[in-house]
C-alpha atoms as a PDB file:
ATOM      1  CA  MET A   1       0.000   0.000   0.000  1.00  0.00           C
ATOM      2  CA  PRO A   2       1.293   3.521  -0.654  1.00  0.00           C
ATOM      3  CA  CYS A   3       2.368   5.562   2.334  1.00  0.00           C
ATOM      4  CA  ALA A   4       0.108   8.344   3.554  1.00  0.00           C
ATOM      5  CA  THR A   5       1.176  11.872   2.754  1.00  0.00           C
ATOM      6  CA  GLY A   6       3.749  13.178   5.234  1.00  0.00           C
ATOM      7  CA  HIS A   7       5.002   9.745   6.361  1.00  0.00           C
ATOM      8  CA  ARG A   8       8.017   7.763   5.256  1.00  0.00           C
ATOM      9  CA  ALA A   9       8.638   4.051   5.297  1.00  0.00           C
ATOM     10  CA  THR A  10      11.092   2.871   7.948  1.00  0.00           C
ATOM     11  CA  SER A  11      12.312  -0.145   5.995  1.00  0.00           C
ATOM     12  CA  VAL A  12      13.475  -0.769   2.465  1.00  0.00           C
ATOM     13  CA  ALA A  13      11.400  -3.155   0.371  1.00  0.00           C
ATOM     14  CA  ILE A  14      13.267  -5.253  -2.164  1.00  0.00           C
ATOM     15  CA  THR A  15      11.215  -5.884  -5.275  1.00  0.00           C
ATOM     16  CA  SER A  16      11.862  -8.181  -8.187  1.00  0.00           C
ATOM     17  CA  PRO A  17      11.356  -7.113 -11.776  1.00  0.00           C
ATOM     18  CA  ALA A  18       7.907  -7.814 -13.168  1.00  0.00           C
ATOM     19  CA  PRO A  19       7.912 -11.246 -14.841  1.00  0.00           C
ATOM     20  CA  PHE A  20       6.327  -9.788 -17.989  1.00  0.00           C
ATOM     21  CA  PRO A  21       6.511  -6.255 -19.375  1.00  0.00           C
ATOM     22  CA  LEU A  22       3.268  -4.289 -19.380  1.00  0.00           C
ATOM     23  CA  LYS A  23       1.607  -4.384 -22.764  1.00  0.00           C
ATOM     24  CA  PRO A  24       1.053  -0.963 -24.320  1.00  0.00           C
ATOM     25  CA  VAL A  25      -2.285   0.601 -25.150  1.00  0.00           C
ATOM     26  CA  GLU A  26      -2.234   1.209 -28.891  1.00  0.00           C
ATOM     27  CA  ARG A  27      -4.190   4.064 -30.447  1.00  0.00           C
ATOM     28  CA  LEU A  28      -5.062   2.589 -33.834  1.00  0.00           C
ATOM     29  CA  ALA A  29      -7.373   5.033 -35.583  1.00  0.00           C
ATOM     30  CA  GLU A  30      -9.693   7.981 -35.181  1.00  0.00           C
ATOM     31  CA  ALA A  31     -12.889   9.190 -36.861  1.00  0.00           C
ATOM     32  CA  THR A  32     -15.322  12.059 -36.502  1.00  0.00           C
ATOM     33  CA  ALA A  33     -19.065  11.378 -36.248  1.00  0.00           C
ATOM     34  CA  PRO A  34     -21.514  13.647 -38.114  1.00  0.00           C
ATOM     35  CA  ASP A  35     -22.107  15.752 -34.985  1.00  0.00           C
ATOM     36  CA  GLY A  36     -18.387  16.286 -34.416  1.00  0.00           C
ATOM     37  CA  SER A  37     -17.878  13.621 -31.738  1.00  0.00           C
ATOM     38  CA  VAL A  38     -14.462  11.967 -31.949  1.00  0.00           C
ATOM     39  CA  LEU A  39     -14.378   8.152 -32.104  1.00  0.00           C
ATOM     40  CA  THR A  40     -11.041   6.526 -31.265  1.00  0.00           C
ATOM     41  CA  LEU A  41     -10.125   2.868 -31.694  1.00  0.00           C
ATOM     42  CA  PHE A  42      -7.682   1.374 -29.181  1.00  0.00           C
ATOM     43  CA  ARG A  43      -6.097  -2.058 -28.746  1.00  0.00           C
ATOM     44  CA  HIS A  44      -4.632  -3.509 -25.556  1.00  0.00           C
ATOM     45  CA  ASP A  45      -3.494  -7.073 -24.985  1.00  0.00           C
ATOM     46  CA  GLY A  46      -5.542  -8.368 -27.922  1.00  0.00           C
ATOM     47  CA  ALA A  47      -8.750  -6.547 -26.936  1.00  0.00           C
ATOM     48  CA  TYR A  48     -10.271  -3.600 -28.796  1.00  0.00           C
ATOM     49  CA  GLN A  49     -12.037  -0.595 -27.345  1.00  0.00           C
ATOM     50  CA  LEU A  50     -13.971   2.236 -28.967  1.00  0.00           C
ATOM     51  CA  ARG A  51     -14.094   5.543 -27.109  1.00  0.00           C
ATOM     52  CA  VAL A  52     -16.233   8.576 -27.892  1.00  0.00           C
ATOM     53  CA  ASN A  53     -14.712  11.871 -26.773  1.00  0.00           C
ATOM     54  CA  GLY A  54     -12.574   9.853 -24.381  1.00  0.00           C
ATOM     55  CA  VAL A  55     -15.457   7.835 -22.894  1.00  0.00           C
ATOM     56  CA  GLU A  56     -15.647   4.072 -23.513  1.00  0.00           C
ATOM     57  CA  LEU A  57     -18.543   3.165 -25.783  1.00  0.00           C
ATOM     58  CA  MET A  58     -17.767  -0.519 -26.347  1.00  0.00           C
ATOM     59  CA  SER A  59     -15.108  -3.174 -25.845  1.00  0.00           C
ATOM     60  CA  THR A  60     -14.456  -6.627 -27.243  1.00  0.00           C
ATOM     61  CA  ARG A  61     -14.081  -7.797 -23.626  1.00  0.00           C
ATOM     62  CA  LYS A  62     -17.741  -6.930 -22.956  1.00  0.00           C
ATOM     63  CA  SER A  63     -19.862  -8.580 -25.632  1.00  0.00           C
ATOM     64  CA  HIS A  64     -22.498 -10.585 -23.742  1.00  0.00           C
ATOM     65  CA  SER A  65     -25.261  -7.966 -23.832  1.00  0.00           C
ATOM     66  CA  GLU A  66     -24.813  -7.310 -27.570  1.00  0.00           C
ATOM     67  CA  GLU A  67     -25.088 -11.042 -28.290  1.00  0.00           C
ATOM     68  CA  LYS A  68     -28.100 -11.373 -26.008  1.00  0.00           C
ATOM     69  CA  LEU A  69     -29.823  -8.575 -27.931  1.00  0.00           C
ATOM     70  CA  ALA A  70     -29.824 -10.718 -31.071  1.00  0.00           C
ATOM     71  CA  GLU A  71     -30.839 -13.872 -29.189  1.00  0.00           C
ATOM     72  CA  LEU A  72     -33.912 -12.198 -27.697  1.00  0.00           C
ATOM     73  CA  ALA A  73     -34.892 -10.300 -30.829  1.00  0.00           C
ATOM     74  CA  CYS A  74     -34.554 -13.306 -33.136  1.00  0.00           C
ATOM     75  CA  ALA A  75     -35.770 -16.107 -30.855  1.00  0.00           C
ATOM     76  CA  HIS A  76     -39.089 -16.326 -32.712  1.00  0.00           C
ATOM     77  CA  LEU A  77     -37.258 -16.793 -36.032  1.00  0.00           C
ATOM     78  CA  ALA A  78     -35.600 -20.113 -35.213  1.00  0.00           C
ATOM     79  CA  GLY A  79     -36.199 -22.407 -38.179  1.00  0.00           C
ATOM     80  CA  GLN A  80     -38.078 -19.751 -40.150  1.00  0.00           C
ATOM     81  CA  ASP A  81     -37.364 -19.482 -43.852  1.00  0.00           C
ATOM     82  CA  ASP A  82     -36.718 -16.143 -45.551  1.00  0.00           C
ATOM     83  CA  ALA A  83     -36.303 -14.168 -42.326  1.00  0.00           C
ATOM     84  CA  SER A  84     -35.367 -10.510 -42.708  1.00  0.00           C
ATOM     85  CA  VAL A  85     -33.780  -8.514 -39.884  1.00  0.00           C
ATOM     86  CA  LEU A  86     -32.214  -5.104 -39.428  1.00  0.00           C
ATOM     87  CA  ILE A  87     -29.316  -4.228 -37.122  1.00  0.00           C
ATOM     88  CA  GLY A  88     -28.813  -0.536 -36.467  1.00  0.00           C
ATOM     89  CA  GLY A  89     -25.164   0.001 -35.543  1.00  0.00           C
ATOM     90  CA  LEU A  90     -22.329  -2.345 -36.521  1.00  0.00           C
ATOM     91  CA  GLY A  91     -20.167  -1.773 -33.441  1.00  0.00           C
ATOM     92  CA  PHE A  92     -17.673  -4.631 -33.239  1.00  0.00           C
ATOM     93  CA  GLY A  93     -20.104  -7.060 -34.882  1.00  0.00           C
ATOM     94  CA  PHE A  94     -21.204  -9.083 -31.845  1.00  0.00           C
ATOM     95  CA  THR A  95     -24.939  -8.636 -32.497  1.00  0.00           C
ATOM     96  CA  LEU A  96     -24.376  -9.495 -36.161  1.00  0.00           C
ATOM     97  CA  ARG A  97     -22.441 -12.670 -35.373  1.00  0.00           C
ATOM     98  CA  ALA A  98     -25.101 -13.802 -32.898  1.00  0.00           C
ATOM     99  CA  ALA A  99     -27.829 -13.236 -35.501  1.00  0.00           C
ATOM    100  CA  LEU A 100     -25.871 -15.216 -38.079  1.00  0.00           C
ATOM    101  CA  ARG A 101     -25.660 -18.152 -35.654  1.00  0.00           C
ATOM    102  CA  LEU A 102     -29.421 -18.074 -35.069  1.00  0.00           C
ATOM    103  CA  LEU A 103     -30.842 -17.502 -38.537  1.00  0.00           C
ATOM    104  CA  GLU A 104     -31.264 -19.883 -41.445  1.00  0.00           C
ATOM    105  CA  SER A 105     -29.093 -19.912 -44.554  1.00  0.00           C
ATOM    106  CA  ASP A 106     -31.652 -17.976 -46.620  1.00  0.00           C
ATOM    107  CA  ALA A 107     -32.031 -15.136 -44.105  1.00  0.00           C
ATOM    108  CA  ARG A 108     -31.223 -11.521 -44.940  1.00  0.00           C
ATOM    109  CA  ILE A 109     -29.487  -9.317 -42.372  1.00  0.00           C
ATOM    110  CA  VAL A 110     -29.300  -5.621 -43.159  1.00  0.00           C
ATOM    111  CA  VAL A 111     -26.702  -3.762 -41.095  1.00  0.00           C
ATOM    112  CA  ALA A 112     -26.843   0.051 -41.109  1.00  0.00           C
ATOM    113  CA  GLU A 113     -23.720   1.853 -39.893  1.00  0.00           C
ATOM    114  CA  LEU A 114     -23.457   5.624 -40.163  1.00  0.00           C
ATOM    115  CA  VAL A 115     -19.703   6.113 -39.689  1.00  0.00           C
ATOM    116  CA  PRO A 116     -17.670   4.815 -42.664  1.00  0.00           C
ATOM    117  CA  GLU A 117     -14.506   4.447 -40.601  1.00  0.00           C
ATOM    118  CA  VAL A 118     -16.246   1.970 -38.277  1.00  0.00           C
ATOM    119  CA  ILE A 119     -17.004  -0.153 -41.328  1.00  0.00           C
ATOM    120  CA  ALA A 120     -13.392   0.125 -42.505  1.00  0.00           C
ATOM    121  CA  TRP A 121     -12.021  -0.870 -39.096  1.00  0.00           C
ATOM    122  CA  ASN A 122     -14.208  -3.976 -39.035  1.00  0.00           C
ATOM    123  CA  ARG A 123     -13.122  -4.922 -42.540  1.00  0.00           C
ATOM    124  CA  ASN A 124      -9.428  -4.393 -41.775  1.00  0.00           C
ATOM    125  CA  ALA A 125      -7.792  -7.814 -41.768  1.00  0.00           C
ATOM    126  CA  GLU A 126      -5.195  -6.565 -39.262  1.00  0.00           C
ATOM    127  CA  TYR A 127      -7.903  -6.129 -36.619  1.00  0.00           C
ATOM    128  CA  ALA A 128      -9.718  -9.105 -35.092  1.00  0.00           C
ATOM    129  CA  LEU A 129     -13.182  -7.596 -35.448  1.00  0.00           C
ATOM    130  CA  ALA A 130     -16.167  -8.468 -37.681  1.00  0.00           C
ATOM    131  CA  GLY A 131     -14.430  -8.913 -41.033  1.00  0.00           C
ATOM    132  CA  GLU A 132     -15.343 -12.585 -41.443  1.00  0.00           C
ATOM    133  CA  ALA A 133     -18.979 -12.033 -40.482  1.00  0.00           C
ATOM    134  CA  LEU A 134     -19.300  -9.239 -43.037  1.00  0.00           C
ATOM    135  CA  LEU A 135     -18.322 -11.699 -45.787  1.00  0.00           C
ATOM    136  CA  ASP A 136     -21.343 -13.908 -45.060  1.00  0.00           C
ATOM    137  CA  ARG A 137     -23.655 -13.847 -48.089  1.00  0.00           C
ATOM    138  CA  ARG A 138     -26.674 -13.180 -45.846  1.00  0.00           C
ATOM    139  CA  VAL A 139     -25.272  -9.791 -44.793  1.00  0.00           C
ATOM    140  CA  ASP A 140     -26.275  -6.568 -46.534  1.00  0.00           C
ATOM    141  CA  LEU A 141     -24.023  -3.881 -45.032  1.00  0.00           C
ATOM    142  CA  ARG A 142     -25.036  -0.275 -45.711  1.00  0.00           C
ATOM    143  CA  GLN A 143     -23.180   2.893 -44.845  1.00  0.00           C
ATOM    144  CA  ALA A 144     -26.350   4.745 -43.907  1.00  0.00           C
ATOM    145  CA  ASP A 145     -28.388   6.303 -41.136  1.00  0.00           C
ATOM    146  CA  VAL A 146     -30.616   3.536 -39.783  1.00  0.00           C
ATOM    147  CA  ALA A 147     -33.524   6.008 -39.689  1.00  0.00           C
ATOM    148  CA  GLN A 148     -33.271   6.320 -43.477  1.00  0.00           C
ATOM    149  CA  VAL A 149     -33.355   2.539 -43.830  1.00  0.00           C
ATOM    150  CA  LEU A 150     -36.432   2.340 -41.597  1.00  0.00           C
ATOM    151  CA  ARG A 151     -38.299   5.007 -43.559  1.00  0.00           C
ATOM    152  CA  ALA A 152     -37.559   3.246 -46.838  1.00  0.00           C
ATOM    153  CA  SER A 153     -38.584  -0.228 -45.605  1.00  0.00           C
ATOM    154  CA  PRO A 154     -42.284  -0.492 -44.715  1.00  0.00           C
ATOM    155  CA  ALA A 155     -43.359  -3.943 -43.448  1.00  0.00           C
ATOM    156  CA  THR A 156     -39.948  -5.437 -44.278  1.00  0.00           C
ATOM    157  CA  PHE A 157     -38.318  -6.869 -41.157  1.00  0.00           C
ATOM    158  CA  ASP A 158     -39.119  -9.697 -38.757  1.00  0.00           C
ATOM    159  CA  ALA A 159     -36.791  -8.182 -36.151  1.00  0.00           C
ATOM    160  CA  ILE A 160     -35.154  -4.790 -35.726  1.00  0.00           C
ATOM    161  CA  MET A 161     -32.227  -4.416 -33.321  1.00  0.00           C
ATOM    162  CA  LEU A 162     -31.131  -0.871 -32.483  1.00  0.00           C
ATOM    163  CA  ASP A 163     -27.764  -0.463 -30.786  1.00  0.00           C
ATOM    164  CA  VAL A 164     -26.726   2.829 -32.307  1.00  0.00           C
ATOM    165  CA  ASP A 165     -25.748   4.591 -29.093  1.00  0.00           C
ATOM    166  CA  ASN A 166     -25.936   4.399 -25.297  1.00  0.00           C
ATOM    167  CA  GLY A 167     -29.730   4.423 -25.475  1.00  0.00           C
ATOM    168  CA  ALA A 168     -32.232   7.255 -25.437  1.00  0.00           C
ATOM    169  CA  ALA A 169     -29.596   9.504 -23.823  1.00  0.00           C
ATOM    170  CA  SER A 170     -27.313   9.550 -26.863  1.00  0.00           C
ATOM    171  CA  LEU A 171     -23.545   9.578 -26.428  1.00  0.00           C
ATOM    172  CA  THR A 172     -22.347   9.738 -30.019  1.00  0.00           C
ATOM    173  CA  THR A 173     -24.577  11.313 -32.652  1.00  0.00           C
ATOM    174  CA  LYS A 174     -27.302  13.686 -31.487  1.00  0.00           C
ATOM    175  CA  GLY A 175     -29.390  12.671 -34.498  1.00  0.00           C
ATOM    176  CA  ASN A 176     -29.853   9.295 -32.814  1.00  0.00           C
ATOM    177  CA  ASP A 177     -32.379  11.001 -30.525  1.00  0.00           C
ATOM    178  CA  GLU A 178     -34.925  10.727 -33.328  1.00  0.00           C
ATOM    179  CA  LEU A 179     -35.084   6.958 -32.932  1.00  0.00           C
ATOM    180  CA  TYR A 180     -36.215   7.215 -29.313  1.00  0.00           C
ATOM    181  CA  ARG A 181     -38.987   9.767 -29.749  1.00  0.00           C
ATOM    182  CA  GLU A 182     -42.546   8.584 -30.338  1.00  0.00           C
ATOM    183  CA  ALA A 183     -42.358   9.385 -34.056  1.00  0.00           C
ATOM    184  CA  GLY A 184     -39.147   7.368 -34.344  1.00  0.00           C
ATOM    185  CA  VAL A 185     -40.665   4.376 -32.573  1.00  0.00           C
ATOM    186  CA  ARG A 186     -43.698   4.497 -34.880  1.00  0.00           C
ATOM    187  CA  MET A 187     -41.328   4.619 -37.850  1.00  0.00           C
ATOM    188  CA  ALA A 188     -39.594   1.467 -36.602  1.00  0.00           C
ATOM    189  CA  VAL A 189     -42.893  -0.308 -35.938  1.00  0.00           C
ATOM    190  CA  ALA A 190     -44.011   0.502 -39.491  1.00  0.00           C
ATOM    191  CA  ALA A 191     -40.916  -1.293 -40.804  1.00  0.00           C
ATOM    192  CA  LEU A 192     -41.884  -4.539 -39.017  1.00  0.00           C
ATOM    193  CA  ARG A 193     -43.711  -7.425 -40.564  1.00  0.00           C
ATOM    194  CA  PRO A 194     -46.702  -8.822 -38.634  1.00  0.00           C
ATOM    195  CA  GLY A 195     -45.420 -10.562 -35.514  1.00  0.00           C
ATOM    196  CA  GLY A 196     -42.085  -8.766 -35.690  1.00  0.00           C
ATOM    197  CA  ARG A 197     -39.991  -7.673 -32.715  1.00  0.00           C
ATOM    198  CA  LEU A 198     -38.311  -4.354 -31.983  1.00  0.00           C
ATOM    199  CA  ALA A 199     -35.254  -4.514 -29.699  1.00  0.00           C
ATOM    200  CA  TYR A 200     -33.204  -1.756 -28.089  1.00  0.00           C
ATOM    201  CA  TRP A 201     -29.866  -1.839 -26.234  1.00  0.00           C
ATOM    202  CA  SER A 202     -29.423   0.759 -23.487  1.00  0.00           C
ATOM    203  CA  ALA A 203     -26.661   1.433 -20.974  1.00  0.00           C
ATOM    204  CA  GLU A 204     -29.201   2.431 -18.330  1.00  0.00           C
ATOM    205  CA  ARG A 205     -32.831   1.781 -17.412  1.00  0.00           C
ATOM    206  CA  ASP A 206     -35.141   4.361 -18.953  1.00  0.00           C
ATOM    207  CA  PRO A 207     -38.736   4.254 -17.627  1.00  0.00           C
ATOM    208  CA  GLN A 208     -39.768   7.206 -19.774  1.00  0.00           C
ATOM    209  CA  PHE A 209     -38.706   5.432 -22.953  1.00  0.00           C
ATOM    210  CA  VAL A 210     -40.546   2.283 -21.849  1.00  0.00           C
ATOM    211  CA  LYS A 211     -43.664   4.455 -21.523  1.00  0.00           C
ATOM    212  CA  THR A 212     -43.088   5.767 -25.047  1.00  0.00           C
ATOM    213  CA  LEU A 213     -42.999   2.195 -26.375  1.00  0.00           C
ATOM    214  CA  GLN A 214     -46.174   1.311 -24.499  1.00  0.00           C
ATOM    215  CA  ARG A 215     -47.922   4.468 -25.671  1.00  0.00           C
ATOM    216  CA  VAL A 216     -47.613   3.375 -29.298  1.00  0.00           C
ATOM    217  CA  GLY A 217     -49.228   0.022 -28.475  1.00  0.00           C
ATOM    218  CA  LEU A 218     -46.211  -2.175 -27.749  1.00  0.00           C
ATOM    219  CA  THR A 219     -45.766  -4.823 -25.095  1.00  0.00           C
ATOM    220  CA  VAL A 220     -42.321  -4.438 -23.549  1.00  0.00           C
ATOM    221  CA  ASP A 221     -40.085  -7.066 -21.968  1.00  0.00           C
ATOM    222  CA  GLU A 222     -37.253  -5.362 -20.063  1.00  0.00           C
ATOM    223  CA  GLN A 223     -34.206  -7.465 -19.203  1.00  0.00           C
ATOM    224  CA  ARG A 224     -31.081  -6.488 -17.304  1.00  0.00           C
ATOM    225  CA  VAL A 225     -28.037  -8.232 -18.748  1.00  0.00           C
ATOM    226  CA  ARG A 226     -24.433  -8.134 -17.596  1.00  0.00           C
ATOM    227  CA  ALA A 227     -21.462  -7.113 -19.717  1.00  0.00           C
ATOM    228  CA  HIS A 228     -20.076 -10.632 -19.264  1.00  0.00           C
ATOM    229  CA  ALA A 229     -22.144 -13.776 -18.870  1.00  0.00           C
ATOM    230  CA  THR A 230     -21.981 -13.707 -15.067  1.00  0.00           C
ATOM    231  CA  SER A 231     -20.245 -10.454 -14.114  1.00  0.00           C
ATOM    232  CA  GLY A 232     -19.667  -6.843 -15.029  1.00  0.00           C
ATOM    233  CA  ALA A 233     -21.926  -3.833 -15.413  1.00  0.00           C
ATOM    234  CA  LEU A 234     -25.663  -4.262 -15.950  1.00  0.00           C
ATOM    235  CA  TYR A 235     -27.193  -3.059 -19.213  1.00  0.00           C
ATOM    236  CA  THR A 236     -30.835  -2.910 -20.294  1.00  0.00           C
ATOM    237  CA  LEU A 237     -32.391  -4.733 -23.237  1.00  0.00           C
ATOM    238  CA  LEU A 238     -35.920  -3.819 -24.297  1.00  0.00           C
ATOM    239  CA  ILE A 239     -37.788  -6.295 -26.508  1.00  0.00           C
ATOM    240  CA  ALA A 240     -41.078  -4.888 -27.811  1.00  0.00           C
ATOM    241  CA  HIS A 241     -43.868  -6.219 -30.036  1.00  0.00           C
ATOM    242  CA  LYS A 242     -47.408  -5.260 -30.889  1.00  0.00           C
ATOM    243  CA  ARG A 243     -50.024  -6.163 -28.333  1.00  0.00           C
ATOM    244  CA  GLN A 244     -52.397  -8.905 -29.344  1.00  0.00           C
ATOM    245  CA  ARG A 245     -55.956  -7.725 -29.755  1.00  0.00           C
ATOM    246  CA  PRO A 246     -58.473  -9.503 -27.509  1.00  0.00           C
END
């Protein structure tokens, strides 16, 4: 333990050199989001981290909640032919890879990612990110605002997974706010096929957003999921679908 200020140790400690040198944190690349936020890609000891204005947005060491988002959103599509799903936000590809594991060989997975550099980083063979998943023939990757994809796709998707930010309180692009307003939720619902599911990832619980989902006629299942399978921070997954008429 370090000594308290103003005190000195009365004995000399003999220490041995560390058995392994500390591995450096590598700053690999940087990009600017449409609102001016700075996204920086780091690598440390084989793990990757994306920070926004210096704040961690995601890490390859914390993928459980992103995978669970796909599992919950696509659970009703197991064994279904010709499934069509939309993922808003590529991130490090964990939601995409989970969807690929769940869906049949004739499925179509549209991935909308706004920042072109994020796409380039995932495609970079030097980085152990989502490059292999993006080569799957079921994947339709678009450098686009997911809101534009939703508006252009009425009654198209069996599941929509939105992980474009930290949730309704956006961290990256302020334009993401549109997706969490009532009009944005209605836009997403309009892009669902009958029986489809709408899923949101959020860093925190957001009772007001749950009320927004319910106000447009959705039944909401809220689940708290850890960053790792059994440990780490708790995140919120919201799985919504249209209420069944009596």
